[in-house]
C-alpha atoms as a PDB file:
ATOM      1  CA  MET A   1      20.464  29.613  -0.466  1.00  0.00           C
ATOM      2  CA  ALA A   2      18.015  31.084   1.822  1.00  0.00           C
ATOM      3  CA  ASP A   3      17.706  34.299   1.664  1.00  0.00           C
ATOM      4  CA  GLU A   4      17.394  36.118   5.452  1.00  0.00           C
ATOM      5  CA  THR A   5      15.774  38.690   4.517  1.00  0.00           C
ATOM      6  CA  GLN A   6      12.559  37.764   2.575  1.00  0.00           C
ATOM      7  CA  VAL A   7       9.832  37.097   3.923  1.00  0.00           C
ATOM      8  CA  ILE A   8       7.383  34.181   2.443  1.00  0.00           C
ATOM      9  CA  ALA A   9       3.839  33.676   3.844  1.00  0.00           C
ATOM     10  CA  VAL A  10       2.056  30.557   3.170  1.00  0.00           C
ATOM     11  CA  ILE A  11      -1.446  31.352   2.966  1.00  0.00           C
ATOM     12  CA  GLY A  12      -3.740  27.773   4.018  1.00  0.00           C
ATOM     13  CA  GLY A  13      -0.288  27.161   5.800  1.00  0.00           C
ATOM     14  CA  THR A  14      -2.410  24.713   8.442  1.00  0.00           C
ATOM     15  CA  GLY A  15      -4.026  22.373   5.531  1.00  0.00           C
ATOM     16  CA  GLU A  16      -1.809  19.517   4.166  1.00  0.00           C
ATOM     17  CA  LEU A  17       0.139  21.083   0.831  1.00  0.00           C
ATOM     18  CA  GLY A  18       0.644  24.074   2.953  1.00  0.00           C
ATOM     19  CA  GLY A  19       2.367  23.019   5.954  1.00  0.00           C
ATOM     20  CA  ALA A  20       4.262  20.755   4.074  1.00  0.00           C
ATOM     21  CA  ILE A  21       5.800  23.571   2.224  1.00  0.00           C
ATOM     22  CA  ALA A  22       6.567  25.813   4.890  1.00  0.00           C
ATOM     23  CA  ARG A  23       7.775  22.548   6.835  1.00  0.00           C
ATOM     24  CA  ARG A  24      10.322  22.841   3.726  1.00  0.00           C
ATOM     25  CA  LEU A  25      11.303  26.591   3.738  1.00  0.00           C
ATOM     26  CA  ALA A  26      11.668  26.959   7.267  1.00  0.00           C
ATOM     27  CA  LEU A  27      13.993  24.245   7.411  1.00  0.00           C
ATOM     28  CA  ALA A  28      15.486  25.807   4.334  1.00  0.00           C
ATOM     29  CA  GLY A  29      16.201  28.685   6.397  1.00  0.00           C
ATOM     30  CA  GLN A  30      13.674  30.998   5.312  1.00  0.00           C
ATOM     31  CA  ARG A  31      11.730  33.383   6.829  1.00  0.00           C
ATOM     32  CA  VAL A  32       7.850  31.825   6.926  1.00  0.00           C
ATOM     33  CA  VAL A  33       5.100  33.526   7.852  1.00  0.00           C
ATOM     34  CA  ILE A  34       1.900  30.780   8.659  1.00  0.00           C
ATOM     35  CA  GLY A  35      -2.046  32.300   7.449  1.00  0.00           C
ATOM     36  CA  SER A  36      -4.942  30.459   8.156  1.00  0.00           C
ATOM     37  CA  ARG A  37      -8.878  31.839   8.310  1.00  0.00           C
ATOM     38  CA  ASP A  38      -8.328  30.864  12.135  1.00  0.00           C
ATOM     39  CA  PRO A  39      -5.333  32.676  13.616  1.00  0.00           C
ATOM     40  CA  ALA A  40      -5.421  30.596  16.865  1.00  0.00           C
ATOM     41  CA  LYS A  41      -4.239  27.472  14.499  1.00  0.00           C
ATOM     42  CA  ALA A  42      -1.760  29.273  12.312  1.00  0.00           C
ATOM     43  CA  LEU A  43      -0.311  30.829  15.295  1.00  0.00           C
ATOM     44  CA  ALA A  44      -0.070  26.716  16.945  1.00  0.00           C
ATOM     45  CA  ALA A  45       0.830  25.350  13.662  1.00  0.00           C
ATOM     46  CA  ALA A  46       3.494  28.122  13.453  1.00  0.00           C
ATOM     47  CA  GLN A  47       4.495  27.191  17.536  1.00  0.00           C
ATOM     48  CA  ALA A  48       5.086  23.753  16.380  1.00  0.00           C
ATOM     49  CA  LEU A  49       7.382  24.422  13.089  1.00  0.00           C
ATOM     50  CA  ALA A  50       9.254  26.500  15.266  1.00  0.00           C
ATOM     51  CA  ARG A  51      10.322  23.766  17.459  1.00  0.00           C
ATOM     52  CA  GLU A  52      10.811  21.673  14.776  1.00  0.00           C
ATOM     53  CA  ALA A  53      13.345  24.098  12.215  1.00  0.00           C
ATOM     54  CA  GLY A  54      14.764  25.907  15.423  1.00  0.00           C
ATOM     55  CA  CYS A  55      13.724  29.377  14.070  1.00  0.00           C
ATOM     56  CA  GLN A  56      11.048  31.741  14.253  1.00  0.00           C
ATOM     57  CA  VAL A  57       8.221  31.298  12.172  1.00  0.00           C
ATOM     58  CA  GLY A  58       5.340  34.135  12.266  1.00  0.00           C
ATOM     59  CA  SER A  59       1.644  33.931  12.229  1.00  0.00           C
ATOM     60  CA  GLY A  60      -1.699  35.388  11.682  1.00  0.00           C
ATOM     61  CA  SER A  61      -4.866  35.767   9.913  1.00  0.00           C
ATOM     62  CA  ASN A  62      -4.574  35.011   5.894  1.00  0.00           C
ATOM     63  CA  ALA A  63      -4.347  38.533   4.963  1.00  0.00           C
ATOM     64  CA  ASP A  64      -2.248  40.142   7.893  1.00  0.00           C
ATOM     65  CA  ALA A  65       0.358  37.027   6.833  1.00  0.00           C
ATOM     66  CA  ALA A  66       0.148  38.209   3.456  1.00  0.00           C
ATOM     67  CA  TYR A  67       0.796  41.740   4.184  1.00  0.00           C
ATOM     68  CA  THR A  68       3.963  41.143   6.150  1.00  0.00           C
ATOM     69  CA  ALA A  69       5.425  38.772   3.211  1.00  0.00           C
ATOM     70  CA  GLN A  70       7.357  39.882  -0.120  1.00  0.00           C
ATOM     71  CA  ILE A  71       6.366  36.280  -1.592  1.00  0.00           C
ATOM     72  CA  VAL A  72       2.934  34.308  -0.955  1.00  0.00           C
ATOM     73  CA  ILE A  73       1.958  31.138  -1.694  1.00  0.00           C
ATOM     74  CA  VAL A  74      -2.107  30.695  -1.415  1.00  0.00           C
ATOM     75  CA  THR A  75      -2.452  26.870  -0.603  1.00  0.00           C
ATOM     76  CA  VAL A  76      -6.146  26.779  -0.247  1.00  0.00           C
ATOM     77  CA  PRO A  77      -8.910  24.212  -2.126  1.00  0.00           C
ATOM     78  CA  PHE A  78     -10.946  25.432  -5.059  1.00  0.00           C
ATOM     79  CA  ALA A  79     -14.074  25.865  -3.119  1.00  0.00           C
ATOM     80  CA  SER A  80     -11.981  28.297  -0.846  1.00  0.00           C
ATOM     81  CA  GLN A  81     -10.134  29.867  -3.559  1.00  0.00           C
ATOM     82  CA  GLU A  82     -12.297  33.250  -4.545  1.00  0.00           C
ATOM     83  CA  ALA A  83     -12.700  33.810  -1.034  1.00  0.00           C
ATOM     84  CA  THR A  84      -9.605  33.874   0.459  1.00  0.00           C
ATOM     85  CA  LEU A  85      -7.769  36.101  -2.677  1.00  0.00           C
ATOM     86  CA  ARG A  86     -10.548  38.764  -2.291  1.00  0.00           C
ATOM     87  CA  ASP A  87      -9.463  39.078   1.707  1.00  0.00           C
ATOM     88  CA  ILE A  88      -5.573  38.759   1.093  1.00  0.00           C
ATOM     89  CA  ALA A  89      -6.244  41.176  -2.270  1.00  0.00           C
ATOM     90  CA  PRO A  90      -5.670  44.309  -0.333  1.00  0.00           C
ATOM     91  CA  SER A  91      -2.315  43.302   0.562  1.00  0.00           C
ATOM     92  CA  VAL A  92      -0.637  41.278  -2.351  1.00  0.00           C
ATOM     93  CA  VAL A  93      -0.778  44.460  -4.775  1.00  0.00           C
ATOM     94  CA  GLY A  94       2.969  44.326  -6.377  1.00  0.00           C
ATOM     95  CA  LYS A  95       3.751  41.189  -5.011  1.00  0.00           C
ATOM     96  CA  ILE A  96       4.291  37.497  -6.309  1.00  0.00           C
ATOM     97  CA  VAL A  97       1.259  35.467  -5.481  1.00  0.00           C
ATOM     98  CA  VAL A  98       1.918  31.627  -6.049  1.00  0.00           C
ATOM     99  CA  ASP A  99      -1.294  29.963  -6.514  1.00  0.00           C
ATOM    100  CA  THR A 100      -1.199  25.771  -5.938  1.00  0.00           C
ATOM    101  CA  THR A 101      -4.966  25.757  -6.620  1.00  0.00           C
ATOM    102  CA  VAL A 102      -5.963  22.530  -8.381  1.00  0.00           C
ATOM    103  CA  PRO A 103     -10.251  23.279  -9.515  1.00  0.00           C
ATOM    104  CA  LEU A 104     -10.911  19.953  -7.865  1.00  0.00           C
ATOM    105  CA  VAL A 105     -14.835  19.466  -7.480  1.00  0.00           C
ATOM    106  CA  PRO A 106     -16.030  16.684  -4.837  1.00  0.00           C
ATOM    107  CA  PRO A 107     -17.176  14.062  -5.869  1.00  0.00           C
ATOM    108  CA  LYS A 108     -15.820  13.476  -9.313  1.00  0.00           C
ATOM    109  CA  VAL A 109     -12.363  14.632  -8.521  1.00  0.00           C
ATOM    110  CA  MET A 110     -10.863  11.769 -11.175  1.00  0.00           C
ATOM    111  CA  ARG A 111     -12.455  14.074 -13.445  1.00  0.00           C
ATOM    112  CA  VAL A 112     -11.122  17.231 -14.923  1.00  0.00           C
ATOM    113  CA  GLN A 113     -13.128  20.238 -14.543  1.00  0.00           C
ATOM    114  CA  LEU A 114     -11.935  23.528 -15.475  1.00  0.00           C
ATOM    115  CA  PRO A 115     -13.167  26.682 -14.153  1.00  0.00           C
ATOM    116  CA  PRO A 116     -14.840  28.763 -17.077  1.00  0.00           C
ATOM    117  CA  GLU A 117     -11.633  31.229 -16.856  1.00  0.00           C
ATOM    118  CA  GLY A 118      -9.452  27.982 -18.190  1.00  0.00           C
ATOM    119  CA  SER A 119      -7.524  27.567 -15.285  1.00  0.00           C
ATOM    120  CA  ALA A 120      -7.743  28.297 -11.290  1.00  0.00           C
ATOM    121  CA  ALA A 121      -4.539  30.043 -12.192  1.00  0.00           C
ATOM    122  CA  VAL A 122      -6.007  32.629 -14.676  1.00  0.00           C
ATOM    123  CA  ARG A 123      -8.815  32.995 -12.566  1.00  0.00           C
ATOM    124  CA  ALA A 124      -6.780  34.034  -9.474  1.00  0.00           C
ATOM    125  CA  GLN A 125      -5.275  36.640 -11.631  1.00  0.00           C
ATOM    126  CA  ASN A 126      -8.530  37.734 -12.560  1.00  0.00           C
ATOM    127  CA  ILE A 127      -9.367  38.133  -8.979  1.00  0.00           C
ATOM    128  CA  LEU A 128      -6.307  39.863  -8.060  1.00  0.00           C
ATOM    129  CA  GLY A 129      -6.021  41.962 -10.953  1.00  0.00           C
ATOM    130  CA  GLN A 130      -3.039  42.690 -12.794  1.00  0.00           C
ATOM    131  CA  GLY A 131      -0.984  45.240  -9.737  1.00  0.00           C
ATOM    132  CA  VAL A 132      -0.060  41.358  -8.755  1.00  0.00           C
ATOM    133  CA  ARG A 133       2.174  39.119 -10.112  1.00  0.00           C
ATOM    134  CA  VAL A 134       0.570  35.546  -9.980  1.00  0.00           C
ATOM    135  CA  THR A 135       2.500  32.722 -11.014  1.00  0.00           C
ATOM    136  CA  SER A 136       1.334  29.012 -10.428  1.00  0.00           C
ATOM    137  CA  ALA A 137       2.940  25.925  -9.633  1.00  0.00           C
ATOM    138  CA  PHE A 138       2.760  22.267  -6.389  1.00  0.00           C
ATOM    139  CA  HIS A 139       0.039  21.400  -8.642  1.00  0.00           C
ATOM    140  CA  ASN A 140       1.028  17.399  -9.370  1.00  0.00           C
ATOM    141  CA  VAL A 141       3.218  17.118  -5.639  1.00  0.00           C
ATOM    142  CA  ALA A 142       1.999  14.755  -2.767  1.00  0.00           C
ATOM    143  CA  ALA A 143       1.032  16.857  -0.171  1.00  0.00           C
ATOM    144  CA  HIS A 144       1.547  13.987   1.968  1.00  0.00           C
ATOM    145  CA  LYS A 145       5.242  12.858   0.274  1.00  0.00           C
ATOM    146  CA  LEU A 146       6.224  16.544   0.362  1.00  0.00           C
ATOM    147  CA  ALA A 147       5.415  16.160   4.527  1.00  0.00           C
ATOM    148  CA  THR A 148       8.293  14.227   5.121  1.00  0.00           C
ATOM    149  CA  ASP A 149      12.333  14.076   4.586  1.00  0.00           C
ATOM    150  CA  ALA A 150      11.991  12.078   1.970  1.00  0.00           C
ATOM    151  CA  THR A 151      13.415  12.815  -1.732  1.00  0.00           C
ATOM    152  CA  VAL A 152      10.406  13.299  -4.082  1.00  0.00           C
ATOM    153  CA  GLU A 153      10.411  11.907  -7.259  1.00  0.00           C
ATOM    154  CA  CYS A 154       8.520  14.923  -9.004  1.00  0.00           C
ATOM    155  CA  ASP A 155       9.086  17.692 -11.054  1.00  0.00           C
ATOM    156  CA  VAL A 156       7.577  21.116 -10.143  1.00  0.00           C
ATOM    157  CA  LEU A 157       5.877  22.593 -13.312  1.00  0.00           C
ATOM    158  CA  VAL A 158       5.857  26.739 -12.729  1.00  0.00           C
ATOM    159  CA  PHE A 159       3.275  28.861 -14.288  1.00  0.00           C
ATOM    160  CA  GLY A 160       3.201  32.940 -15.018  1.00  0.00           C
ATOM    161  CA  ASP A 161       3.318  35.318 -17.871  1.00  0.00           C
ATOM    162  CA  GLU A 162       6.591  36.957 -16.005  1.00  0.00           C
ATOM    163  CA  LYS A 163       9.796  35.125 -16.174  1.00  0.00           C
ATOM    164  CA  ALA A 164      11.716  37.170 -13.573  1.00  0.00           C
ATOM    165  CA  ALA A 165       8.712  36.199 -10.991  1.00  0.00           C
ATOM    166  CA  ARG A 166       8.742  32.262 -12.482  1.00  0.00           C
ATOM    167  CA  GLU A 167      12.088  32.503 -11.854  1.00  0.00           C
ATOM    168  CA  VAL A 168      11.850  33.816  -7.895  1.00  0.00           C
ATOM    169  CA  VAL A 169       9.115  30.610  -7.775  1.00  0.00           C
ATOM    170  CA  LEU A 170      11.849  28.188  -8.894  1.00  0.00           C
ATOM    171  CA  GLY A 171      14.259  29.126  -6.524  1.00  0.00           C
ATOM    172  CA  LEU A 172      11.509  28.613  -4.029  1.00  0.00           C
ATOM    173  CA  VAL A 173      10.973  25.062  -5.617  1.00  0.00           C
ATOM    174  CA  GLY A 174      14.353  24.474  -5.069  1.00  0.00           C
ATOM    175  CA  LEU A 175      14.697  25.206  -1.564  1.00  0.00           C
ATOM    176  CA  CYS A 176      11.746  22.844  -0.843  1.00  0.00           C
ATOM    177  CA  GLY A 177      14.064  19.675  -2.274  1.00  0.00           C
ATOM    178  CA  LEU A 178      12.362  19.098  -6.460  1.00  0.00           C
ATOM    179  CA  ARG A 179      13.527  20.137  -9.522  1.00  0.00           C
ATOM    180  CA  GLY A 180      11.451  23.306 -10.979  1.00  0.00           C
ATOM    181  CA  LEU A 181      10.896  23.886 -14.769  1.00  0.00           C
ATOM    182  CA  HIS A 182       9.671  26.812 -16.581  1.00  0.00           C
ATOM    183  CA  ALA A 183       6.820  25.738 -18.038  1.00  0.00           C
ATOM    184  CA  GLY A 184       5.232  29.267 -19.911  1.00  0.00           C
ATOM    185  CA  ALA A 185       2.871  31.443 -19.926  1.00  0.00           C
ATOM    186  CA  LEU A 186      -0.054  31.264 -16.797  1.00  0.00           C
ATOM    187  CA  ALA A 187      -2.525  30.044 -18.831  1.00  0.00           C
ATOM    188  CA  ASN A 188      -0.444  27.525 -19.513  1.00  0.00           C
ATOM    189  CA  SER A 189      -1.175  26.276 -16.076  1.00  0.00           C
ATOM    190  CA  ALA A 190      -4.660  24.393 -17.230  1.00  0.00           C
ATOM    191  CA  ALA A 191      -2.449  21.656 -17.948  1.00  0.00           C
ATOM    192  CA  ALA A 192      -0.991  21.150 -14.887  1.00  0.00           C
ATOM    193  CA  GLU A 193      -4.388  21.921 -12.854  1.00  0.00           C
ATOM    194  CA  ALA A 194      -5.858  19.045 -15.353  1.00  0.00           C
ATOM    195  CA  LEU A 195      -3.531  16.760 -14.780  1.00  0.00           C
ATOM    196  CA  THR A 196      -3.449  16.280 -11.234  1.00  0.00           C
ATOM    197  CA  SER A 197      -7.248  14.546 -11.550  1.00  0.00           C
ATOM    198  CA  VAL A 198      -5.240  11.505 -14.172  1.00  0.00           C
ATOM    199  CA  LEU A 199      -2.713  11.362 -11.126  1.00  0.00           C
ATOM    200  CA  ILE A 200      -5.515  10.762  -8.800  1.00  0.00           C
ATOM    201  CA  PHE A 201      -7.141   8.357 -10.931  1.00  0.00           C
ATOM    202  CA  LEU A 202      -3.611   6.879 -11.786  1.00  0.00           C
ATOM    203  CA  ASN A 203      -3.482   6.161  -7.536  1.00  0.00           C
ATOM    204  CA  LYS A 204      -6.799   4.506  -7.447  1.00  0.00           C
ATOM    205  CA  THR A 205      -6.370   2.060 -10.232  1.00  0.00           C
ATOM    206  CA  TYR A 206      -2.724   1.317 -10.055  1.00  0.00           C
ATOM    207  CA  GLY A 207      -2.207   1.625  -6.166  1.00  0.00           C
ATOM    208  CA  VAL A 208       0.361   3.862  -6.654  1.00  0.00           C
ATOM    209  CA  ASP A 209       1.342   6.301  -3.456  1.00  0.00           C
ATOM    210  CA  GLY A 210       1.210   9.845  -4.710  1.00  0.00           C
ATOM    211  CA  ALA A 211       1.842   9.625  -8.341  1.00  0.00           C
ATOM    212  CA  GLY A 212       3.677  12.722  -9.939  1.00  0.00           C
ATOM    213  CA  VAL A 213       5.160  14.349 -12.934  1.00  0.00           C
ATOM    214  CA  ARG A 214       8.949  13.954 -14.537  1.00  0.00           C
ATOM    215  CA  ILE A 215      10.376  15.445 -17.367  1.00  0.00           C
ATOM    216  CA  THR A 216      12.409  12.838 -18.822  1.00  0.00           C
ATOM    217  CA  GLY A 217      15.256  14.205 -21.723  1.00  0.00           C
ATOM    218  CA  GLU A 218      18.721  15.530 -20.728  1.00  0.00           C
ATOM    219  CA  LEU A 219      17.350  19.446 -19.894  1.00  0.00           C
ATOM    220  CA  LYS A 220      19.557  22.258 -20.540  1.00  0.00           C
ATOM    221  CA  LEU A 221      19.162  23.856 -17.079  1.00  0.00           C
ATOM    222  CA  PRO A 222      18.201  27.095 -16.558  1.00  0.00           C
ATOM    223  CA  SER A 223      15.742  26.959 -19.496  1.00  0.00           C
ATOM    224  CA  ALA A 224      12.707  28.719 -19.984  1.00  0.00           C
ATOM    225  CA  GLY A 225       9.423  28.500 -21.731  1.00  0.00           C
END
């Protein structure tokens, strides 16, 4: 069920993944604000989404979008992660930040290259500080599939040191039409981040149009790790 009082900022919302998440949340009735380094691009994306979804969609710079929201989803490339997080840091104290960053280092994106901190999510927590409720998710979902109305046969693993914050993110994942699963501590995010490079390799090797992850077995939901 949509929470009409909750505002969700999608930072990097003019990109493929950010745009797809913003679209699904808006169509699910959520109040969405699109952030971008270029406010003009954010405005154009917000206006297009508002026309499609038939609702108001906000826009602004990344920092301004983060300031207006209770939940902030960061969807930027690894190369832009640090600068983006430092830009929004003053605006996200006490809030839930969902980091989707995968540490891909071109040109060898099919090779796992985790950062010195162990994962991009832990790196995000270090940058933002302990006053921010950092979680991570959406690492293994093909953005071009999420951007459609099709059912995406993929689970979303949600990581975070605070169970209550993970639970909120699971709700957002559900609104996006996906099954979200508690996957434990933020440090565990390294597994999903690394798996993205493996999935890219599988896509190329086997001609898959966006390989994903599905957890098998009969799960007794809700579950927590």
